[in-house]
Amino acid sequence: MKTRIVFISFIWFVVIAFIFMVLFFFGIIGPKDEGKERQEILNLVPVGLPIPEAKKRMESYGFKCEWVENKEFAVEHIGVQQKMHPKADFLYCDREKGSIFILMAIRWQVEIVAEKGVVKEVFISVNAIAT
């Protein structure tokens, strides 16, 4: 009897998690201020800002950052395919923020492309992840 209750509880958990993932994917639930936060990040690290200052600002905003050299990264996901940015030196910053229900969190990933020691481009992606 206990095994059956545990199994049924697990199935309900999986079903609820799936429902929340679908709702997030279609934008029904999720970060309501995503556009505002994207703009705040772009204002925080404008083009021309020295990379050490960009790192300092992003870390003060709650991101963990690391320097990456001569690597490509995904800038757009189209189904299972990805559009890749050509190899570049960039500051990679990552942060999990908030949660959706108990099952998921919002992950912000920011790639700050550098040229001659300053910000050249900024790419931001937001995804739901399991917690």
N, C-alpha and C. Protein backbone atom coordinates (compact mmCIF):
# COMPACT_ATOMS: atom_id res chain seq x y z
N MET A 1 0.82 -1.20 0.00
CA MET A 1 0.00 0.00 0.00
C MET A 1 0.87 1.27 0.00
N LYS A 2 1.94 1.27 0.85
CA LYS A 2 2.82 2.44 0.90
C LYS A 2 3.50 2.67 -0.45
N THR A 3 3.90 1.61 -1.09
CA THR A 3 4.57 1.72 -2.38
C THR A 3 3.65 2.37 -3.40
N ARG A 4 2.39 2.00 -3.36
CA ARG A 4 1.42 2.57 -4.30
C ARG A 4 1.22 4.07 -4.05
N ILE A 5 1.14 4.46 -2.79
CA ILE A 5 0.97 5.88 -2.44
C ILE A 5 2.19 6.67 -2.90
N VAL A 6 3.38 6.13 -2.67
CA VAL A 6 4.61 6.81 -3.09
C VAL A 6 4.62 6.94 -4.62
N PHE A 7 4.26 5.88 -5.31
CA PHE A 7 4.24 5.91 -6.77
C PHE A 7 3.24 6.95 -7.29
N ILE A 8 2.05 6.97 -6.74
CA ILE A 8 1.01 7.94 -7.16
C ILE A 8 1.48 9.36 -6.87
N SER A 9 2.09 9.57 -5.72
CA SER A 9 2.61 10.91 -5.37
C SER A 9 3.68 11.34 -6.36
N PHE A 10 4.56 10.42 -6.72
CA PHE A 10 5.61 10.72 -7.69
C PHE A 10 5.01 11.09 -9.04
N ILE A 11 4.03 10.33 -9.49
CA ILE A 11 3.37 10.61 -10.77
C ILE A 11 2.74 12.00 -10.74
N TRP A 12 2.07 12.35 -9.66
CA TRP A 12 1.46 13.69 -9.56
C TRP A 12 2.53 14.77 -9.61
N PHE A 13 3.64 14.54 -8.93
CA PHE A 13 4.74 15.50 -8.94
C PHE A 13 5.24 15.72 -10.36
N VAL A 14 5.44 14.64 -11.10
CA VAL A 14 5.93 14.74 -12.48
C VAL A 14 4.92 15.47 -13.36
N VAL A 15 3.64 15.15 -13.20
CA VAL A 15 2.59 15.80 -14.00
C VAL A 15 2.55 17.30 -13.72
N ILE A 16 2.61 17.67 -12.45
CA ILE A 16 2.57 19.09 -12.08
C ILE A 16 3.80 19.81 -12.62
N ALA A 17 4.97 19.18 -12.51
CA ALA A 17 6.20 19.79 -13.04
C ALA A 17 6.08 20.01 -14.54
N PHE A 18 5.55 19.04 -15.26
CA PHE A 18 5.37 19.16 -16.70
C PHE A 18 4.42 20.30 -17.04
N ILE A 19 3.33 20.40 -16.30
CA ILE A 19 2.36 21.49 -16.54
C ILE A 19 3.02 22.85 -16.35
N PHE A 20 3.82 23.00 -15.28
CA PHE A 20 4.49 24.28 -15.04
C PHE A 20 5.52 24.58 -16.13
N MET A 21 6.21 23.57 -16.63
CA MET A 21 7.17 23.80 -17.71
C MET A 21 6.47 24.27 -18.98
N VAL A 22 5.33 23.66 -19.29
CA VAL A 22 4.56 24.07 -20.48
C VAL A 22 4.05 25.50 -20.30
N LEU A 23 3.53 25.82 -19.12
CA LEU A 23 3.02 27.17 -18.87
C LEU A 23 4.13 28.20 -18.97
N PHE A 24 5.33 27.87 -18.49
CA PHE A 24 6.46 28.79 -18.61
C PHE A 24 6.86 28.95 -20.07
N PHE A 25 6.94 27.84 -20.80
CA PHE A 25 7.35 27.88 -22.20
C PHE A 25 6.46 28.81 -23.02
N PHE A 26 5.16 28.79 -22.74
CA PHE A 26 4.23 29.64 -23.49
C PHE A 26 4.05 31.02 -22.87
N GLY A 27 4.83 31.33 -21.83
CA GLY A 27 4.80 32.67 -21.25
C GLY A 27 3.62 32.96 -20.36
N ILE A 28 2.87 31.93 -19.98
CA ILE A 28 1.71 32.14 -19.12
C ILE A 28 2.16 32.43 -17.70
N ILE A 29 3.21 31.76 -17.26
CA ILE A 29 3.83 32.06 -15.97
C ILE A 29 5.30 32.33 -16.22
N GLY A 30 5.95 32.94 -15.27
CA GLY A 30 7.38 33.22 -15.42
C GLY A 30 7.69 34.63 -14.99
N PRO A 31 8.89 35.08 -15.29
CA PRO A 31 9.29 36.42 -14.85
C PRO A 31 8.51 37.49 -15.60
N LYS A 32 7.70 38.23 -14.89
CA LYS A 32 6.87 39.26 -15.51
C LYS A 32 7.69 40.49 -15.89
N ASP A 33 8.83 40.66 -15.24
CA ASP A 33 9.67 41.83 -15.49
C ASP A 33 10.87 41.50 -16.35
N GLU A 34 10.79 40.46 -17.14
CA GLU A 34 11.94 40.03 -17.94
C GLU A 34 12.45 41.14 -18.85
N GLY A 35 11.55 41.83 -19.55
CA GLY A 35 11.96 42.91 -20.44
C GLY A 35 12.64 44.03 -19.69
N LYS A 36 12.10 44.36 -18.53
CA LYS A 36 12.68 45.42 -17.71
C LYS A 36 14.07 45.02 -17.22
N GLU A 37 14.20 43.78 -16.78
CA GLU A 37 15.50 43.33 -16.27
C GLU A 37 16.53 43.23 -17.40
N ARG A 38 16.10 42.82 -18.59
CA ARG A 38 17.01 42.80 -19.73
C ARG A 38 17.57 44.21 -19.98
N GLN A 39 16.69 45.20 -19.94
CA GLN A 39 17.12 46.58 -20.18
C GLN A 39 18.06 47.06 -19.07
N GLU A 40 17.77 46.65 -17.83
CA GLU A 40 18.66 47.03 -16.72
C GLU A 40 20.06 46.46 -16.93
N ILE A 41 20.13 45.21 -17.40
CA ILE A 41 21.44 44.60 -17.65
C ILE A 41 22.16 45.35 -18.77
N LEU A 42 21.44 45.66 -19.84
CA LEU A 42 22.06 46.40 -20.95
C LEU A 42 22.53 47.78 -20.50
N ASN A 43 21.79 48.43 -19.61
CA ASN A 43 22.21 49.73 -19.08
C ASN A 43 23.40 49.57 -18.13
N LEU A 44 23.46 48.44 -17.44
CA LEU A 44 24.52 48.18 -16.47
C LEU A 44 25.87 48.00 -17.14
N VAL A 45 25.87 47.36 -18.32
CA VAL A 45 27.13 47.07 -19.03
C VAL A 45 27.04 47.59 -20.47
N PRO A 46 27.08 48.91 -20.64
CA PRO A 46 26.95 49.47 -22.00
C PRO A 46 28.19 49.19 -22.85
N VAL A 47 28.00 49.23 -24.15
CA VAL A 47 29.11 49.08 -25.09
C VAL A 47 30.16 50.14 -24.77
N GLY A 48 31.44 49.72 -24.76
CA GLY A 48 32.54 50.64 -24.46
C GLY A 48 33.01 50.59 -23.02
N LEU A 49 32.23 49.95 -22.13
CA LEU A 49 32.63 49.84 -20.72
C LEU A 49 33.81 48.87 -20.60
N PRO A 50 34.84 49.21 -19.82
CA PRO A 50 35.95 48.27 -19.62
C PRO A 50 35.45 46.96 -19.00
N ILE A 51 35.99 45.84 -19.45
CA ILE A 51 35.55 44.52 -18.99
C ILE A 51 35.69 44.35 -17.48
N PRO A 52 36.78 44.79 -16.83
CA PRO A 52 36.84 44.63 -15.37
C PRO A 52 35.68 45.35 -14.66
N GLU A 53 35.30 46.49 -15.17
CA GLU A 53 34.16 47.22 -14.58
C GLU A 53 32.85 46.48 -14.86
N ALA A 54 32.72 45.90 -16.04
CA ALA A 54 31.52 45.13 -16.38
C ALA A 54 31.39 43.94 -15.43
N LYS A 55 32.50 43.25 -15.17
CA LYS A 55 32.50 42.11 -14.25
C LYS A 55 32.08 42.56 -12.85
N LYS A 56 32.64 43.64 -12.40
CA LYS A 56 32.32 44.17 -11.07
C LYS A 56 30.83 44.51 -10.96
N ARG A 57 30.29 45.15 -11.98
CA ARG A 57 28.88 45.54 -11.98
C ARG A 57 27.96 44.32 -12.01
N MET A 58 28.29 43.35 -12.86
CA MET A 58 27.45 42.16 -12.96
C MET A 58 27.47 41.37 -11.64
N GLU A 59 28.62 41.26 -11.02
CA GLU A 59 28.70 40.54 -9.75
C GLU A 59 27.95 41.27 -8.65
N SER A 60 27.95 42.60 -8.70
CA SER A 60 27.18 43.36 -7.70
C SER A 60 25.67 43.20 -7.94
N TYR A 61 25.31 42.78 -9.12
CA TYR A 61 23.90 42.54 -9.50
C TYR A 61 23.49 41.09 -9.21
N GLY A 62 24.39 40.31 -8.61
CA GLY A 62 24.07 38.94 -8.21
C GLY A 62 24.52 37.85 -9.15
N PHE A 63 25.30 38.20 -10.17
CA PHE A 63 25.78 37.21 -11.13
C PHE A 63 27.13 36.66 -10.69
N LYS A 64 27.41 35.43 -11.09
CA LYS A 64 28.75 34.85 -10.97
C LYS A 64 29.35 34.92 -12.37
N CYS A 65 30.54 35.49 -12.47
CA CYS A 65 31.13 35.72 -13.79
C CYS A 65 32.49 35.04 -13.91
N GLU A 66 32.80 34.63 -15.14
CA GLU A 66 34.12 34.08 -15.45
C GLU A 66 34.52 34.50 -16.85
N TRP A 67 35.82 34.66 -17.03
CA TRP A 67 36.38 35.06 -18.32
C TRP A 67 36.57 33.83 -19.19
N VAL A 68 36.13 33.91 -20.45
CA VAL A 68 36.24 32.80 -21.40
C VAL A 68 36.97 33.31 -22.64
N GLU A 69 37.95 32.54 -23.09
CA GLU A 69 38.73 32.97 -24.26
C GLU A 69 38.51 32.06 -25.46
N ASN A 70 38.33 32.70 -26.60
CA ASN A 70 38.28 32.04 -27.90
C ASN A 70 37.30 30.86 -27.95
N LYS A 71 36.07 31.09 -27.53
CA LYS A 71 35.03 30.06 -27.56
C LYS A 71 33.81 30.63 -28.27
N GLU A 72 33.02 29.72 -28.85
CA GLU A 72 31.73 30.14 -29.41
C GLU A 72 30.65 29.85 -28.38
N PHE A 73 29.50 30.47 -28.54
CA PHE A 73 28.38 30.25 -27.62
C PHE A 73 27.07 30.42 -28.38
N ALA A 74 26.03 29.81 -27.84
CA ALA A 74 24.71 29.88 -28.47
C ALA A 74 24.09 31.25 -28.21
N VAL A 75 23.60 31.87 -29.27
CA VAL A 75 22.94 33.17 -29.12
C VAL A 75 21.44 33.06 -29.37
N GLU A 76 21.01 31.94 -29.95
CA GLU A 76 19.59 31.77 -30.24
C GLU A 76 19.29 30.28 -30.34
N HIS A 77 18.18 29.87 -29.74
CA HIS A 77 17.75 28.48 -29.81
C HIS A 77 16.50 28.42 -30.67
N ILE A 78 16.55 27.60 -31.71
CA ILE A 78 15.40 27.42 -32.60
C ILE A 78 15.07 25.93 -32.58
N GLY A 79 14.11 25.57 -31.75
CA GLY A 79 13.84 24.14 -31.57
C GLY A 79 15.05 23.49 -30.95
N VAL A 80 15.55 22.44 -31.58
CA VAL A 80 16.75 21.77 -31.06
C VAL A 80 18.03 22.33 -31.66
N GLN A 81 17.89 23.22 -32.65
CA GLN A 81 19.06 23.82 -33.28
C GLN A 81 19.46 25.10 -32.56
N GLN A 82 20.72 25.43 -32.66
CA GLN A 82 21.23 26.65 -32.03
C GLN A 82 21.97 27.48 -33.06
N LYS A 83 21.77 28.79 -32.97
CA LYS A 83 22.57 29.72 -33.77
C LYS A 83 23.77 30.10 -32.89
N MET A 84 24.96 29.88 -33.42
CA MET A 84 26.17 30.08 -32.62
C MET A 84 26.86 31.39 -32.98
N HIS A 85 27.38 32.05 -31.95
CA HIS A 85 28.22 33.23 -32.13
C HIS A 85 29.62 32.71 -32.46
N PRO A 86 30.31 33.33 -33.41
CA PRO A 86 31.67 32.87 -33.72
C PRO A 86 32.59 32.97 -32.50
N LYS A 87 33.71 32.27 -32.55
CA LYS A 87 34.64 32.28 -31.43
C LYS A 87 35.00 33.71 -31.05
N ALA A 88 35.02 33.93 -29.74
CA ALA A 88 35.32 35.27 -29.22
C ALA A 88 35.79 35.15 -27.78
N ASP A 89 36.38 36.22 -27.29
CA ASP A 89 36.69 36.35 -25.87
C ASP A 89 35.50 37.04 -25.24
N PHE A 90 35.01 36.50 -24.11
CA PHE A 90 33.83 37.10 -23.49
C PHE A 90 33.78 36.82 -22.00
N LEU A 91 33.03 37.65 -21.32
CA LEU A 91 32.74 37.48 -19.91
C LEU A 91 31.42 36.74 -19.83
N TYR A 92 31.42 35.55 -19.22
CA TYR A 92 30.20 34.76 -19.07
C TYR A 92 29.68 34.97 -17.65
N CYS A 93 28.43 35.41 -17.55
CA CYS A 93 27.82 35.66 -16.24
C CYS A 93 26.53 34.85 -16.13
N ASP A 94 26.29 34.29 -14.96
CA ASP A 94 25.20 33.34 -14.75
C ASP A 94 24.53 33.63 -13.40
N ARG A 95 23.19 33.54 -13.39
CA ARG A 95 22.47 33.75 -12.13
C ARG A 95 21.14 33.01 -12.18
N GLU A 96 20.82 32.37 -11.07
CA GLU A 96 19.49 31.82 -10.90
C GLU A 96 18.73 32.78 -10.02
N LYS A 97 17.51 33.09 -10.44
CA LYS A 97 16.74 34.08 -9.68
C LYS A 97 15.32 33.60 -9.49
N GLY A 98 14.85 33.71 -8.26
CA GLY A 98 13.46 33.41 -7.98
C GLY A 98 13.11 31.97 -8.25
N SER A 99 11.85 31.70 -8.18
CA SER A 99 11.38 30.36 -8.47
C SER A 99 9.96 30.42 -8.99
N ILE A 100 9.61 29.38 -9.70
CA ILE A 100 8.24 29.20 -10.16
C ILE A 100 7.75 27.98 -9.40
N PHE A 101 6.82 28.20 -8.52
CA PHE A 101 6.34 27.13 -7.65
C PHE A 101 7.56 26.65 -6.88
N ILE A 102 7.71 25.39 -6.61
CA ILE A 102 8.87 24.85 -5.91
C ILE A 102 9.79 24.16 -6.90
N LEU A 103 9.29 23.90 -8.09
CA LEU A 103 9.96 22.99 -9.01
C LEU A 103 10.96 23.64 -9.94
N MET A 104 10.86 24.94 -10.17
CA MET A 104 11.68 25.56 -11.20
C MET A 104 12.22 26.90 -10.74
N ALA A 105 13.33 27.30 -11.34
CA ALA A 105 13.90 28.63 -11.10
C ALA A 105 14.17 29.27 -12.46
N ILE A 106 14.43 30.55 -12.45
CA ILE A 106 14.76 31.28 -13.68
C ILE A 106 16.27 31.44 -13.73
N ARG A 107 16.86 31.03 -14.85
CA ARG A 107 18.31 31.14 -15.02
C ARG A 107 18.61 32.20 -16.07
N TRP A 108 19.37 33.21 -15.65
CA TRP A 108 19.83 34.27 -16.54
C TRP A 108 21.27 33.97 -16.92
N GLN A 109 21.56 33.98 -18.23
CA GLN A 109 22.92 33.80 -18.72
C GLN A 109 23.25 34.99 -19.62
N VAL A 110 24.39 35.60 -19.34
CA VAL A 110 24.79 36.79 -20.09
C VAL A 110 26.20 36.58 -20.61
N GLU A 111 26.37 36.76 -21.91
CA GLU A 111 27.69 36.74 -22.53
C GLU A 111 28.01 38.16 -22.96
N ILE A 112 29.11 38.68 -22.42
CA ILE A 112 29.55 40.05 -22.71
C ILE A 112 30.81 39.94 -23.56
N VAL A 113 30.64 40.14 -24.86
CA VAL A 113 31.75 40.00 -25.81
C VAL A 113 32.67 41.20 -25.68
N ALA A 114 33.98 40.90 -25.66
CA ALA A 114 34.98 41.95 -25.49
C ALA A 114 35.79 42.14 -26.76
N GLU A 115 36.19 43.37 -26.95
CA GLU A 115 37.15 43.70 -28.01
C GLU A 115 38.03 44.81 -27.48
N LYS A 116 39.32 44.58 -27.49
CA LYS A 116 40.30 45.54 -26.98
C LYS A 116 40.01 45.94 -25.53
N GLY A 117 39.54 44.97 -24.74
CA GLY A 117 39.34 45.19 -23.31
C GLY A 117 38.06 45.89 -22.91
N VAL A 118 37.17 46.15 -23.88
CA VAL A 118 35.91 46.81 -23.54
C VAL A 118 34.72 46.01 -24.09
N VAL A 119 33.54 46.30 -23.58
CA VAL A 119 32.32 45.63 -24.02
C VAL A 119 32.03 45.99 -25.48
N LYS A 120 31.83 44.95 -26.30
CA LYS A 120 31.48 45.13 -27.70
C LYS A 120 30.01 44.80 -27.94
N GLU A 121 29.55 43.67 -27.37
CA GLU A 121 28.17 43.20 -27.53
C GLU A 121 27.74 42.51 -26.24
N VAL A 122 26.42 42.46 -26.01
CA VAL A 122 25.87 41.77 -24.85
C VAL A 122 24.73 40.86 -25.32
N PHE A 123 24.81 39.59 -24.95
CA PHE A 123 23.76 38.63 -25.27
C PHE A 123 23.16 38.10 -23.98
N ILE A 124 21.83 38.08 -23.90
CA ILE A 124 21.13 37.67 -22.69
C ILE A 124 20.16 36.55 -23.03
N SER A 125 20.20 35.48 -22.23
CA SER A 125 19.20 34.42 -22.39
C SER A 125 18.58 34.12 -21.03
N VAL A 126 17.30 33.78 -21.07
CA VAL A 126 16.53 33.47 -19.86
C VAL A 126 15.85 32.14 -20.07
N ASN A 127 16.04 31.23 -19.10
CA ASN A 127 15.45 29.89 -19.22
C ASN A 127 14.90 29.44 -17.87
N ALA A 128 13.92 28.57 -17.91
CA ALA A 128 13.43 27.92 -16.71
C ALA A 128 14.26 26.66 -16.51
N ILE A 129 14.65 26.40 -15.27
CA ILE A 129 15.41 25.18 -14.97
C ILE A 129 14.77 24.49 -13.78
N ALA A 130 14.95 23.19 -13.71
CA ALA A 130 14.45 22.42 -12.57
C ALA A 130 15.30 22.72 -11.35
N THR A 131 14.66 22.78 -10.19
CA THR A 131 15.41 23.03 -8.96
C THR A 131 15.61 21.75 -8.18
